[in-house]
Amino acid sequence: MAATSNRTRNVTPDLDAASDRVREANDRIADAGRKVTVTYLDGVERWWTGVAKAERKFADQAQVEAVGHLLSAHASLTEDVVKASVAASRELIGV
């Protein structure tokens, strides 16, 4: 009977160690996801900043003053919306 109980103990998995490994793996995956998301948000912010910059350049070159003001206002609106959206996204992921 002693041999049977030793064999049973050796087969029983260490659930605490397994749950620790799973927790560590989940933390690494979450950290990697945050890094990817931050990189993506940085790219989105840079791209829209470039779009707004181009729009302002078109506004400066517009021959009709109203069109220039409209393009400039749209560029400002674009920047404000992107900044707010990116800030909210960063807050959501905890960065």
PDB file of N, CA and C in Angstrom:
ATOM      1  N   MET A   1       0.806  -1.196   0.000  1.00  0.00           N
ATOM      2  CA  MET A   1       0.000   0.000   0.000  1.00  0.00           C
ATOM      3  C   MET A   1       0.850   1.261   0.000  1.00  0.00           C
ATOM      4  N   ALA A   2       2.009   1.182   0.609  1.00  0.00           N
ATOM      5  CA  ALA A   2       2.875   2.351   0.663  1.00  0.00           C
ATOM      6  C   ALA A   2       3.326   2.765  -0.727  1.00  0.00           C
ATOM      7  N   ALA A   3       3.586   1.791  -1.598  1.00  0.00           N
ATOM      8  CA  ALA A   3       4.016   2.100  -2.960  1.00  0.00           C
ATOM      9  C   ALA A   3       2.915   2.797  -3.739  1.00  0.00           C
ATOM     10  N   THR A   4       1.673   2.428  -3.503  1.00  0.00           N
ATOM     11  CA  THR A   4       0.563   3.050  -4.203  1.00  0.00           C
ATOM     12  C   THR A   4       0.401   4.505  -3.789  1.00  0.00           C
ATOM     13  N   SER A   5       0.528   4.812  -2.521  1.00  0.00           N
ATOM     14  CA  SER A   5       0.360   6.193  -2.070  1.00  0.00           C
ATOM     15  C   SER A   5       1.503   7.074  -2.547  1.00  0.00           C
ATOM     16  N   ASN A   6       2.727   6.548  -2.649  1.00  0.00           N
ATOM     17  CA  ASN A   6       3.843   7.329  -3.183  1.00  0.00           C
ATOM     18  C   ASN A   6       3.628   7.623  -4.664  1.00  0.00           C
ATOM     19  N   ARG A   7       3.135   6.639  -5.381  1.00  0.00           N
ATOM     20  CA  ARG A   7       2.896   6.825  -6.806  1.00  0.00           C
ATOM     21  C   ARG A   7       1.807   7.886  -7.017  1.00  0.00           C
ATOM     22  N   THR A   8       0.794   7.886  -6.198  1.00  0.00           N
ATOM     23  CA  THR A   8      -0.286   8.860  -6.305  1.00  0.00           C
ATOM     24  C   THR A   8       0.220  10.267  -6.033  1.00  0.00           C
ATOM     25  N   ARG A   9       1.076  10.409  -5.076  1.00  0.00           N
ATOM     26  CA  ARG A   9       1.623  11.745  -4.760  1.00  0.00           C
ATOM     27  C   ARG A   9       2.470  12.284  -5.905  1.00  0.00           C
ATOM     28  N   ASN A  10       3.214  11.449  -6.566  1.00  0.00           N
ATOM     29  CA  ASN A  10       4.070  11.894  -7.656  1.00  0.00           C
ATOM     30  C   ASN A  10       3.273  12.288  -8.895  1.00  0.00           C
ATOM     31  N   VAL A  11       2.100  11.712  -9.066  1.00  0.00           N
ATOM     32  CA  VAL A  11       1.283  12.003 -10.231  1.00  0.00           C
ATOM     33  C   VAL A  11       0.450  13.264 -10.022  1.00  0.00           C
ATOM     34  N   THR A  12       0.149  13.623  -8.799  1.00  0.00           N
ATOM     35  CA  THR A  12      -0.687  14.776  -8.509  1.00  0.00           C
ATOM     36  C   THR A  12       0.028  16.056  -8.951  1.00  0.00           C
ATOM     37  N   PRO A  13      -0.577  16.855  -9.792  1.00  0.00           N
ATOM     38  CA  PRO A  13       0.071  18.087 -10.265  1.00  0.00           C
ATOM     39  C   PRO A  13       0.132  19.131  -9.157  1.00  0.00           C
ATOM     40  N   ASP A  14       1.137  19.973  -9.251  1.00  0.00           N
ATOM     41  CA  ASP A  14       1.275  21.080  -8.307  1.00  0.00           C
ATOM     42  C   ASP A  14       0.447  22.242  -8.858  1.00  0.00           C
ATOM     43  N   LEU A  15      -0.770  22.358  -8.384  1.00  0.00           N
ATOM     44  CA  LEU A  15      -1.705  23.361  -8.918  1.00  0.00           C
ATOM     45  C   LEU A  15      -1.264  24.781  -8.606  1.00  0.00           C
ATOM     46  N   ASP A  16      -0.633  24.988  -7.471  1.00  0.00           N
ATOM     47  CA  ASP A  16      -0.158  26.337  -7.144  1.00  0.00           C
ATOM     48  C   ASP A  16       0.927  26.787  -8.113  1.00  0.00           C
ATOM     49  N   ALA A  17       1.863  25.895  -8.399  1.00  0.00           N
ATOM     50  CA  ALA A  17       2.932  26.236  -9.343  1.00  0.00           C
ATOM     51  C   ALA A  17       2.360  26.452 -10.740  1.00  0.00           C
ATOM     52  N   ALA A  18       1.424  25.630 -11.129  1.00  0.00           N
ATOM     53  CA  ALA A  18       0.809  25.774 -12.454  1.00  0.00           C
ATOM     54  C   ALA A  18       0.052  27.093 -12.559  1.00  0.00           C
ATOM     55  N   SER A  19      -0.683  27.443 -11.516  1.00  0.00           N
ATOM     56  CA  SER A  19      -1.428  28.702 -11.568  1.00  0.00           C
ATOM     57  C   SER A  19      -0.476  29.897 -11.561  1.00  0.00           C
ATOM     58  N   ASP A  20       0.657  29.791 -10.876  1.00  0.00           N
ATOM     59  CA  ASP A  20       1.656  30.859 -10.911  1.00  0.00           C
ATOM     60  C   ASP A  20       2.231  31.028 -12.312  1.00  0.00           C
ATOM     61  N   ARG A  21       2.516  29.904 -12.972  1.00  0.00           N
ATOM     62  CA  ARG A  21       3.050  29.982 -14.336  1.00  0.00           C
ATOM     63  C   ARG A  21       2.026  30.585 -15.296  1.00  0.00           C
ATOM     64  N   VAL A  22       0.779  30.221 -15.148  1.00  0.00           N
ATOM     65  CA  VAL A  22      -0.282  30.768 -15.999  1.00  0.00           C
ATOM     66  C   VAL A  22      -0.429  32.265 -15.744  1.00  0.00           C
ATOM     67  N   ARG A  23      -0.393  32.670 -14.492  1.00  0.00           N
ATOM     68  CA  ARG A  23      -0.506  34.081 -14.137  1.00  0.00           C
ATOM     69  C   ARG A  23       0.656  34.888 -14.738  1.00  0.00           C
ATOM     70  N   GLU A  24       1.869  34.337 -14.637  1.00  0.00           N
ATOM     71  CA  GLU A  24       3.041  35.017 -15.212  1.00  0.00           C
ATOM     72  C   GLU A  24       2.932  35.112 -16.730  1.00  0.00           C
ATOM     73  N   ALA A  25       2.461  34.061 -17.358  1.00  0.00           N
ATOM     74  CA  ALA A  25       2.284  34.096 -18.816  1.00  0.00           C
ATOM     75  C   ALA A  25       1.232  35.133 -19.209  1.00  0.00           C
ATOM     76  N   ASN A  26       0.147  35.195 -18.476  1.00  0.00           N
ATOM     77  CA  ASN A  26      -0.892  36.192 -18.754  1.00  0.00           C
ATOM     78  C   ASN A  26      -0.353  37.605 -18.577  1.00  0.00           C
ATOM     79  N   ASP A  27       0.464  37.825 -17.551  1.00  0.00           N
ATOM     80  CA  ASP A  27       1.055  39.149 -17.341  1.00  0.00           C
ATOM     81  C   ASP A  27       1.974  39.532 -18.495  1.00  0.00           C
ATOM     82  N   ARG A  28       2.770  38.571 -18.973  1.00  0.00           N
ATOM     83  CA  ARG A  28       3.658  38.849 -20.107  1.00  0.00           C
ATOM     84  C   ARG A  28       2.852  39.159 -21.365  1.00  0.00           C
ATOM     85  N   ILE A  29       1.782  38.424 -21.593  1.00  0.00           N
ATOM     86  CA  ILE A  29       0.932  38.664 -22.766  1.00  0.00           C
ATOM     87  C   ILE A  29       0.263  40.034 -22.666  1.00  0.00           C
ATOM     88  N   ALA A  30      -0.214  40.389 -21.483  1.00  0.00           N
ATOM     89  CA  ALA A  30      -0.860  41.694 -21.301  1.00  0.00           C
ATOM     90  C   ALA A  30       0.143  42.825 -21.510  1.00  0.00           C
ATOM     91  N   ASP A  31       1.366  42.661 -21.001  1.00  0.00           N
ATOM     92  CA  ASP A  31       2.396  43.679 -21.203  1.00  0.00           C
ATOM     93  C   ASP A  31       2.739  43.837 -22.678  1.00  0.00           C
ATOM     94  N   ALA A  32       2.856  42.721 -23.385  1.00  0.00           N
ATOM     95  CA  ALA A  32       3.138  42.779 -24.820  1.00  0.00           C
ATOM     96  C   ALA A  32       1.995  43.461 -25.561  1.00  0.00           C
ATOM     97  N   GLY A  33       0.772  43.168 -25.178  1.00  0.00           N
ATOM     98  CA  GLY A  33      -0.388  43.813 -25.798  1.00  0.00           C
ATOM     99  C   GLY A  33      -0.397  45.309 -25.565  1.00  0.00           C
ATOM    100  N   ARG A  34      -0.033  45.720 -24.353  1.00  0.00           N
ATOM    101  CA  ARG A  34       0.035  47.157 -24.072  1.00  0.00           C
ATOM    102  C   ARG A  34       1.099  47.832 -24.932  1.00  0.00           C
ATOM    103  N   LYS A  35       2.254  47.185 -25.078  1.00  0.00           N
ATOM    104  CA  LYS A  35       3.325  47.765 -25.891  1.00  0.00           C
ATOM    105  C   LYS A  35       2.896  47.912 -27.347  1.00  0.00           C
ATOM    106  N   VAL A  36       2.241  46.898 -27.872  1.00  0.00           N
ATOM    107  CA  VAL A  36       1.762  46.958 -29.257  1.00  0.00           C
ATOM    108  C   VAL A  36       0.721  48.064 -29.409  1.00  0.00           C
ATOM    109  N   THR A  37      -0.172  48.167 -28.439  1.00  0.00           N
ATOM    110  CA  THR A  37      -1.220  49.186 -28.500  1.00  0.00           C
ATOM    111  C   THR A  37      -0.635  50.583 -28.407  1.00  0.00           C
ATOM    112  N   VAL A  38       0.354  50.779 -27.532  1.00  0.00           N
ATOM    113  CA  VAL A  38       1.001  52.093 -27.410  1.00  0.00           C
ATOM    114  C   VAL A  38       1.683  52.457 -28.722  1.00  0.00           C
ATOM    115  N   THR A  39       2.365  51.501 -29.330  1.00  0.00           N
ATOM    116  CA  THR A  39       3.025  51.755 -30.613  1.00  0.00           C
ATOM    117  C   THR A  39       1.999  52.113 -31.684  1.00  0.00           C
ATOM    118  N   TYR A  40       0.889  51.400 -31.706  1.00  0.00           N
ATOM    119  CA  TYR A  40      -0.178  51.687 -32.665  1.00  0.00           C
ATOM    120  C   TYR A  40      -0.746  53.091 -32.446  1.00  0.00           C
ATOM    121  N   LEU A  41      -1.016  53.428 -31.186  1.00  0.00           N
ATOM    122  CA  LEU A  41      -1.575  54.754 -30.891  1.00  0.00           C
ATOM    123  C   LEU A  41      -0.591  55.861 -31.257  1.00  0.00           C
ATOM    124  N   ASP A  42       0.698  55.635 -31.029  1.00  0.00           N
ATOM    125  CA  ASP A  42       1.702  56.618 -31.441  1.00  0.00           C
ATOM    126  C   ASP A  42       1.670  56.824 -32.944  1.00  0.00           C
ATOM    127  N   GLY A  43       1.545  55.734 -33.690  1.00  0.00           N
ATOM    128  CA  GLY A  43       1.479  55.832 -35.143  1.00  0.00           C
ATOM    129  C   GLY A  43       0.234  56.554 -35.621  1.00  0.00           C
ATOM    130  N   VAL A  44      -0.892  56.248 -35.008  1.00  0.00           N
ATOM    131  CA  VAL A  44      -2.147  56.923 -35.371  1.00  0.00           C
ATOM    132  C   VAL A  44      -2.032  58.424 -35.105  1.00  0.00           C
ATOM    133  N   GLU A  45      -1.474  58.749 -33.958  1.00  0.00           N
ATOM    134  CA  GLU A  45      -1.331  60.165 -33.605  1.00  0.00           C
ATOM    135  C   GLU A  45      -0.402  60.890 -34.580  1.00  0.00           C
ATOM    136  N   ARG A  46       0.719  60.261 -34.935  1.00  0.00           N
ATOM    137  CA  ARG A  46       1.642  60.878 -35.895  1.00  0.00           C
ATOM    138  C   ARG A  46       0.991  61.045 -37.264  1.00  0.00           C
ATOM    139  N   TRP A  47       0.255  60.025 -37.704  1.00  0.00           N
ATOM    140  CA  TRP A  47      -0.366  60.096 -39.024  1.00  0.00           C
ATOM    141  C   TRP A  47      -1.378  61.232 -39.087  1.00  0.00           C
ATOM    142  N   TRP A  48      -2.271  61.317 -38.087  1.00  0.00           N
ATOM    143  CA  TRP A  48      -3.281  62.366 -38.112  1.00  0.00           C
ATOM    144  C   TRP A  48      -2.675  63.748 -37.918  1.00  0.00           C
ATOM    145  N   THR A  49      -1.578  63.831 -37.175  1.00  0.00           N
ATOM    146  CA  THR A  49      -0.874  65.113 -37.055  1.00  0.00           C
ATOM    147  C   THR A  49      -0.332  65.533 -38.416  1.00  0.00           C
ATOM    148  N   GLY A  50       0.174  64.583 -39.176  1.00  0.00           N
ATOM    149  CA  GLY A  50       0.640  64.872 -40.532  1.00  0.00           C
ATOM    150  C   GLY A  50      -0.487  65.312 -41.450  1.00  0.00           C
ATOM    151  N   VAL A  51      -1.636  64.670 -41.312  1.00  0.00           N
ATOM    152  CA  VAL A  51      -2.802  65.062 -42.119  1.00  0.00           C
ATOM    153  C   VAL A  51      -3.212  66.495 -41.781  1.00  0.00           C
ATOM    154  N   ALA A  52      -3.248  66.826 -40.500  1.00  0.00           N
ATOM    155  CA  ALA A  52      -3.623  68.182 -40.086  1.00  0.00           C
ATOM    156  C   ALA A  52      -2.599  69.197 -40.569  1.00  0.00           C
ATOM    157  N   LYS A  53      -1.328  68.816 -40.534  1.00  0.00           N
ATOM    158  CA  LYS A  53      -0.267  69.723 -41.014  1.00  0.00           C
ATOM    159  C   LYS A  53      -0.438  69.997 -42.509  1.00  0.00           C
ATOM    160  N   ALA A  54      -0.742  68.947 -43.279  1.00  0.00           N
ATOM    161  CA  ALA A  54      -0.969  69.124 -44.714  1.00  0.00           C
ATOM    162  C   ALA A  54      -2.198  69.989 -44.967  1.00  0.00           C
ATOM    163  N   GLU A  55      -3.224  69.790 -44.152  1.00  0.00           N
ATOM    164  CA  GLU A  55      -4.442  70.584 -44.307  1.00  0.00           C
ATOM    165  C   GLU A  55      -4.167  72.068 -44.021  1.00  0.00           C
ATOM    166  N   ARG A  56      -3.339  72.325 -43.032  1.00  0.00           N
ATOM    167  CA  ARG A  56      -2.971  73.717 -42.733  1.00  0.00           C
ATOM    168  C   ARG A  56      -2.147  74.327 -43.871  1.00  0.00           C
ATOM    169  N   LYS A  57      -1.303  73.515 -44.488  1.00  0.00           N
ATOM    170  CA  LYS A  57      -0.514  74.004 -45.619  1.00  0.00           C
ATOM    171  C   LYS A  57      -1.437  74.364 -46.782  1.00  0.00           C
ATOM    172  N   PHE A  58      -2.443  73.507 -47.036  1.00  0.00           N
ATOM    173  CA  PHE A  58      -3.429  73.827 -48.069  1.00  0.00           C
ATOM    174  C   PHE A  58      -4.202  75.088 -47.709  1.00  0.00           C
ATOM    175  N   ALA A  59      -4.509  75.252 -46.416  1.00  0.00           N
ATOM    176  CA  ALA A  59      -5.246  76.439 -45.966  1.00  0.00           C
ATOM    177  C   ALA A  59      -4.438  77.706 -46.236  1.00  0.00           C
ATOM    178  N   ASP A  60      -3.130  77.632 -46.001  1.00  0.00           N
ATOM    179  CA  ASP A  60      -2.275  78.801 -46.241  1.00  0.00           C
ATOM    180  C   ASP A  60      -2.187  79.134 -47.727  1.00  0.00           C
ATOM    181  N   GLN A  61      -2.319  78.134 -48.583  1.00  0.00           N
ATOM    182  CA  GLN A  61      -2.208  78.344 -50.023  1.00  0.00           C
ATOM    183  C   GLN A  61      -3.552  78.612 -50.700  1.00  0.00           C
ATOM    184  N   ALA A  62      -4.638  78.527 -49.945  1.00  0.00           N
ATOM    185  CA  ALA A  62      -5.961  78.721 -50.537  1.00  0.00           C
ATOM    186  C   ALA A  62      -6.112  80.156 -51.021  1.00  0.00           C
ATOM    187  N   GLN A  63      -6.693  80.309 -52.185  1.00  0.00           N
ATOM    188  CA  GLN A  63      -6.881  81.643 -52.748  1.00  0.00           C
ATOM    189  C   GLN A  63      -8.179  82.278 -52.247  1.00  0.00           C
ATOM    190  N   VAL A  64      -9.088  81.462 -51.751  1.00  0.00           N
ATOM    191  CA  VAL A  64     -10.330  81.968 -51.192  1.00  0.00           C
ATOM    192  C   VAL A  64     -10.193  81.905 -49.674  1.00  0.00           C
ATOM    193  N   GLU A  65     -10.372  83.054 -49.042  1.00  0.00           N
ATOM    194  CA  GLU A  65     -10.144  83.154 -47.595  1.00  0.00           C
ATOM    195  C   GLU A  65     -11.062  82.213 -46.802  1.00  0.00           C
ATOM    196  N   ALA A  66     -12.308  82.084 -47.220  1.00  0.00           N
ATOM    197  CA  ALA A  66     -13.248  81.219 -46.503  1.00  0.00           C
ATOM    198  C   ALA A  66     -12.803  79.756 -46.555  1.00  0.00           C
ATOM    199  N   VAL A  67     -12.284  79.341 -47.689  1.00  0.00           N
ATOM    200  CA  VAL A  67     -11.793  77.965 -47.827  1.00  0.00           C
ATOM    201  C   VAL A  67     -10.590  77.757 -46.914  1.00  0.00           C
ATOM    202  N   GLY A  68      -9.727  78.726 -46.849  1.00  0.00           N
ATOM    203  CA  GLY A  68      -8.560  78.647 -45.971  1.00  0.00           C
ATOM    204  C   GLY A  68      -8.968  78.519 -44.507  1.00  0.00           C
ATOM    205  N   HIS A  69      -9.950  79.320 -44.096  1.00  0.00           N
ATOM    206  CA  HIS A  69     -10.437  79.243 -42.709  1.00  0.00           C
ATOM    207  C   HIS A  69     -11.103  77.897 -42.436  1.00  0.00           C
ATOM    208  N   LEU A  70     -11.844  77.411 -43.411  1.00  0.00           N
ATOM    209  CA  LEU A  70     -12.508  76.120 -43.254  1.00  0.00           C
ATOM    210  C   LEU A  70     -11.486  74.987 -43.099  1.00  0.00           C
ATOM    211  N   LEU A  71     -10.472  74.982 -43.934  1.00  0.00           N
ATOM    212  CA  LEU A  71      -9.434  73.957 -43.837  1.00  0.00           C
ATOM    213  C   LEU A  71      -8.665  74.056 -42.521  1.00  0.00           C
ATOM    214  N   SER A  72      -8.381  75.253 -42.099  1.00  0.00           N
ATOM    215  CA  SER A  72      -7.668  75.447 -40.839  1.00  0.00           C
ATOM    216  C   SER A  72      -8.510  74.989 -39.646  1.00  0.00           C
ATOM    217  N   ALA A  73      -9.794  75.307 -39.690  1.00  0.00           N
ATOM    218  CA  ALA A  73     -10.687  74.874 -38.613  1.00  0.00           C
ATOM    219  C   ALA A  73     -10.823  73.351 -38.590  1.00  0.00           C
ATOM    220  N   HIS A  74     -10.886  72.747 -39.765  1.00  0.00           N
ATOM    221  CA  HIS A  74     -10.983  71.292 -39.834  1.00  0.00           C
ATOM    222  C   HIS A  74      -9.699  70.641 -39.304  1.00  0.00           C
ATOM    223  N   ALA A  75      -8.556  71.235 -39.611  1.00  0.00           N
ATOM    224  CA  ALA A  75      -7.288  70.703 -39.097  1.00  0.00           C
ATOM    225  C   ALA A  75      -7.258  70.771 -37.568  1.00  0.00           C
ATOM    226  N   SER A  76      -7.728  71.868 -37.017  1.00  0.00           N
ATOM    227  CA  SER A  76      -7.775  71.995 -35.556  1.00  0.00           C
ATOM    228  C   SER A  76      -8.729  70.980 -34.936  1.00  0.00           C
ATOM    229  N   LEU A  77      -9.880  70.813 -35.567  1.00  0.00           N
ATOM    230  CA  LEU A  77     -10.849  69.834 -35.082  1.00  0.00           C
ATOM    231  C   LEU A  77     -10.270  68.419 -35.135  1.00  0.00           C
ATOM    232  N   THR A  78      -9.609  68.111 -36.223  1.00  0.00           N
ATOM    233  CA  THR A  78      -8.987  66.794 -36.375  1.00  0.00           C
ATOM    234  C   THR A  78      -7.971  66.549 -35.269  1.00  0.00           C
ATOM    235  N   GLU A  79      -7.111  67.513 -35.018  1.00  0.00           N
ATOM    236  CA  GLU A  79      -6.104  67.367 -33.959  1.00  0.00           C
ATOM    237  C   GLU A  79      -6.745  67.197 -32.586  1.00  0.00           C
ATOM    238  N   ASP A  80      -7.774  67.976 -32.314  1.00  0.00           N
ATOM    239  CA  ASP A  80      -8.432  67.879 -31.009  1.00  0.00           C
ATOM    240  C   ASP A  80      -9.099  66.522 -30.809  1.00  0.00           C
ATOM    241  N   VAL A  81      -9.771  66.033 -31.847  1.00  0.00           N
ATOM    242  CA  VAL A  81     -10.452  64.738 -31.743  1.00  0.00           C
ATOM    243  C   VAL A  81      -9.433  63.614 -31.580  1.00  0.00           C
ATOM    244  N   VAL A  82      -8.358  63.671 -32.329  1.00  0.00           N
ATOM    245  CA  VAL A  82      -7.332  62.626 -32.241  1.00  0.00           C
ATOM    246  C   VAL A  82      -6.671  62.653 -30.871  1.00  0.00           C
ATOM    247  N   LYS A  83      -6.334  63.835 -30.367  1.00  0.00           N
ATOM    248  CA  LYS A  83      -5.707  63.924 -29.041  1.00  0.00           C
ATOM    249  C   LYS A  83      -6.623  63.362 -27.964  1.00  0.00           C
ATOM    250  N   ALA A  84      -7.901  63.700 -28.030  1.00  0.00           N
ATOM    251  CA  ALA A  84      -8.852  63.198 -27.029  1.00  0.00           C
ATOM    252  C   ALA A  84      -9.028  61.690 -27.152  1.00  0.00           C
ATOM    253  N   SER A  85      -9.132  61.189 -28.364  1.00  0.00           N
ATOM    254  CA  SER A  85      -9.319  59.751 -28.570  1.00  0.00           C
ATOM    255  C   SER A  85      -8.108  58.948 -28.118  1.00  0.00           C
ATOM    256  N   VAL A  86      -6.930  59.428 -28.467  1.00  0.00           N
ATOM    257  CA  VAL A  86      -5.696  58.732 -28.091  1.00  0.00           C
ATOM    258  C   VAL A  86      -5.525  58.788 -26.570  1.00  0.00           C
ATOM    259  N   ALA A  87      -5.789  59.929 -25.974  1.00  0.00           N
ATOM    260  CA  ALA A  87      -5.676  60.042 -24.505  1.00  0.00           C
ATOM    261  C   ALA A  87      -6.641  59.092 -23.801  1.00  0.00           C
ATOM    262  N   ALA A  88      -7.866  59.016 -24.301  1.00  0.00           N
ATOM    263  CA  ALA A  88      -8.848  58.103 -23.709  1.00  0.00           C
ATOM    264  C   ALA A  88      -8.416  56.648 -23.887  1.00  0.00           C
ATOM    265  N   SER A  89      -7.869  56.322 -25.037  1.00  0.00           N
ATOM    266  CA  SER A  89      -7.400  54.956 -25.283  1.00  0.00           C
ATOM    267  C   SER A  89      -6.228  54.600 -24.376  1.00  0.00           C
ATOM    268  N   ARG A  90      -5.315  55.534 -24.211  1.00  0.00           N
ATOM    269  CA  ARG A  90      -4.180  55.294 -23.317  1.00  0.00           C
ATOM    270  C   ARG A  90      -4.656  55.100 -21.879  1.00  0.00           C
ATOM    271  N   GLU A  91      -5.616  55.877 -21.472  1.00  0.00           N
ATOM    272  CA  GLU A  91      -6.168  55.738 -20.114  1.00  0.00           C
ATOM    273  C   GLU A  91      -6.858  54.380 -19.958  1.00  0.00           C
ATOM    274  N   LEU A  92      -7.543  53.952 -20.994  1.00  0.00           N
ATOM    275  CA  LEU A  92      -8.248  52.680 -20.953  1.00  0.00           C
ATOM    276  C   LEU A  92      -7.301  51.487 -20.794  1.00  0.00           C
ATOM    277  N   ILE A  93      -6.144  51.550 -21.465  1.00  0.00           N
ATOM    278  CA  ILE A  93      -5.201  50.440 -21.346  1.00  0.00           C
ATOM    279  C   ILE A  93      -4.256  50.609 -20.174  1.00  0.00           C
ATOM    280  N   GLY A  94      -4.353  51.722 -19.479  1.00  0.00           N
ATOM    281  CA  GLY A  94      -3.559  51.912 -18.272  1.00  0.00           C
ATOM    282  C   GLY A  94      -2.140  52.373 -18.518  1.00  0.00           C
ATOM    283  N   VAL A  95      -1.940  53.181 -19.547  1.00  0.00           N
ATOM    284  CA  VAL A  95      -0.602  53.701 -19.831  1.00  0.00           C
ATOM    285  C   VAL A  95      -0.514  55.140 -19.423  1.00  0.00           C
TER     286      VAL A  95
END
